[in-house]
Amino acid sequence: MKVKINKFSGVTFGVLFGLLAGIALKDIGLWICLGLAIGAAVDYTRNKNQNSEGENEK
């Protein structure tokens, strides 16, 4: 079984996206919160998919 190590999590990308969108739209607080929530959802989904793939291989 290959173990893949991700350097950046979804939360990191979400906060980065939120920061850039917040700067562009001049509402940093809102967009950092939204980016954090979206990034956490991406991590949750990615981990859930990896766990289900691991159970299918057994």
C-alpha atoms as a PDB file:
ATOM      1  CA  MET A   1       0.000   0.000   0.000  1.00  0.00           C
ATOM      2  CA  LYS A   2       1.391   3.366  -1.001  1.00  0.00           C
ATOM      3  CA  VAL A   3       1.221   6.095   1.593  1.00  0.00           C
ATOM      4  CA  LYS A   4       0.880   9.529   0.092  1.00  0.00           C
ATOM      5  CA  ILE A   5       2.056  12.454   2.192  1.00  0.00           C
ATOM      6  CA  ASN A   6       0.405  15.751   1.375  1.00  0.00           C
ATOM      7  CA  LYS A   7       2.453  18.810   2.176  1.00  0.00           C
ATOM      8  CA  PHE A   8      -0.560  21.086   2.094  1.00  0.00           C
ATOM      9  CA  SER A   9      -3.917  20.306   3.542  1.00  0.00           C
ATOM     10  CA  GLY A  10      -7.261  21.514   2.291  1.00  0.00           C
ATOM     11  CA  VAL A  11      -7.404  23.932   5.201  1.00  0.00           C
ATOM     12  CA  THR A  12      -4.193  25.586   4.034  1.00  0.00           C
ATOM     13  CA  PHE A  13      -5.558  26.028   0.534  1.00  0.00           C
ATOM     14  CA  GLY A  14      -8.873  27.237   1.930  1.00  0.00           C
ATOM     15  CA  VAL A  15      -7.281  29.922   4.091  1.00  0.00           C
ATOM     16  CA  LEU A  16      -5.044  31.004   1.220  1.00  0.00           C
ATOM     17  CA  PHE A  17      -8.049  31.211  -1.109  1.00  0.00           C
ATOM     18  CA  GLY A  18     -10.006  33.098   1.552  1.00  0.00           C
ATOM     19  CA  LEU A  19      -7.176  35.541   2.089  1.00  0.00           C
ATOM     20  CA  LEU A  20      -6.808  36.273  -1.617  1.00  0.00           C
ATOM     21  CA  ALA A  21     -10.569  36.570  -2.166  1.00  0.00           C
ATOM     22  CA  GLY A  22     -10.858  38.756   0.941  1.00  0.00           C
ATOM     23  CA  ILE A  23      -8.176  41.118  -0.260  1.00  0.00           C
ATOM     24  CA  ALA A  24      -9.734  41.314  -3.712  1.00  0.00           C
ATOM     25  CA  LEU A  25     -13.255  41.879  -2.378  1.00  0.00           C
ATOM     26  CA  LYS A  26     -12.178  43.972   0.649  1.00  0.00           C
ATOM     27  CA  ASP A  27     -13.830  41.685   3.215  1.00  0.00           C
ATOM     28  CA  ILE A  28     -10.993  39.576   4.616  1.00  0.00           C
ATOM     29  CA  GLY A  29     -12.796  38.351   7.739  1.00  0.00           C
ATOM     30  CA  LEU A  30     -15.705  36.820   5.856  1.00  0.00           C
ATOM     31  CA  TRP A  31     -13.591  35.149   3.199  1.00  0.00           C
ATOM     32  CA  ILE A  32     -11.014  33.691   5.582  1.00  0.00           C
ATOM     33  CA  CYS A  33     -13.878  32.079   7.524  1.00  0.00           C
ATOM     34  CA  LEU A  34     -15.461  30.746   4.330  1.00  0.00           C
ATOM     35  CA  GLY A  35     -12.109  29.487   3.031  1.00  0.00           C
ATOM     36  CA  LEU A  36     -11.409  27.728   6.325  1.00  0.00           C
ATOM     37  CA  ALA A  37     -14.811  26.021   6.252  1.00  0.00           C
ATOM     38  CA  ILE A  38     -14.404  24.951   2.621  1.00  0.00           C
ATOM     39  CA  GLY A  39     -10.879  23.689   3.284  1.00  0.00           C
ATOM     40  CA  ALA A  40     -12.039  21.649   6.273  1.00  0.00           C
ATOM     41  CA  ALA A  41     -14.791  20.123   4.143  1.00  0.00           C
ATOM     42  CA  VAL A  42     -12.238  19.211   1.454  1.00  0.00           C
ATOM     43  CA  ASP A  43      -9.996  17.537   4.059  1.00  0.00           C
ATOM     44  CA  TYR A  44     -12.936  15.649   5.542  1.00  0.00           C
ATOM     45  CA  THR A  45     -14.041  14.408   2.132  1.00  0.00           C
ATOM     46  CA  ARG A  46     -10.498  13.479   1.100  1.00  0.00           C
ATOM     47  CA  ASN A  47      -9.914  11.521   4.329  1.00  0.00           C
ATOM     48  CA  LYS A  48     -13.294   9.808   4.045  1.00  0.00           C
ATOM     49  CA  ASN A  49     -12.515   8.713   0.465  1.00  0.00           C
ATOM     50  CA  GLN A  50      -9.048   7.452   1.431  1.00  0.00           C
ATOM     51  CA  ASN A  51     -10.491   5.428   4.315  1.00  0.00           C
ATOM     52  CA  SER A  52     -13.151   3.841   2.120  1.00  0.00           C
ATOM     53  CA  GLU A  53     -10.542   2.965  -0.543  1.00  0.00           C
ATOM     54  CA  GLY A  54      -8.402   1.317   2.129  1.00  0.00           C
ATOM     55  CA  GLU A  55     -11.331  -0.835   3.280  1.00  0.00           C
ATOM     56  CA  ASN A  56     -12.030  -1.928  -0.304  1.00  0.00           C
ATOM     57  CA  GLU A  57      -8.437  -3.183  -0.751  1.00  0.00           C
ATOM     58  CA  LYS A  58      -8.626  -5.552   2.237  1.00  0.00           C
END
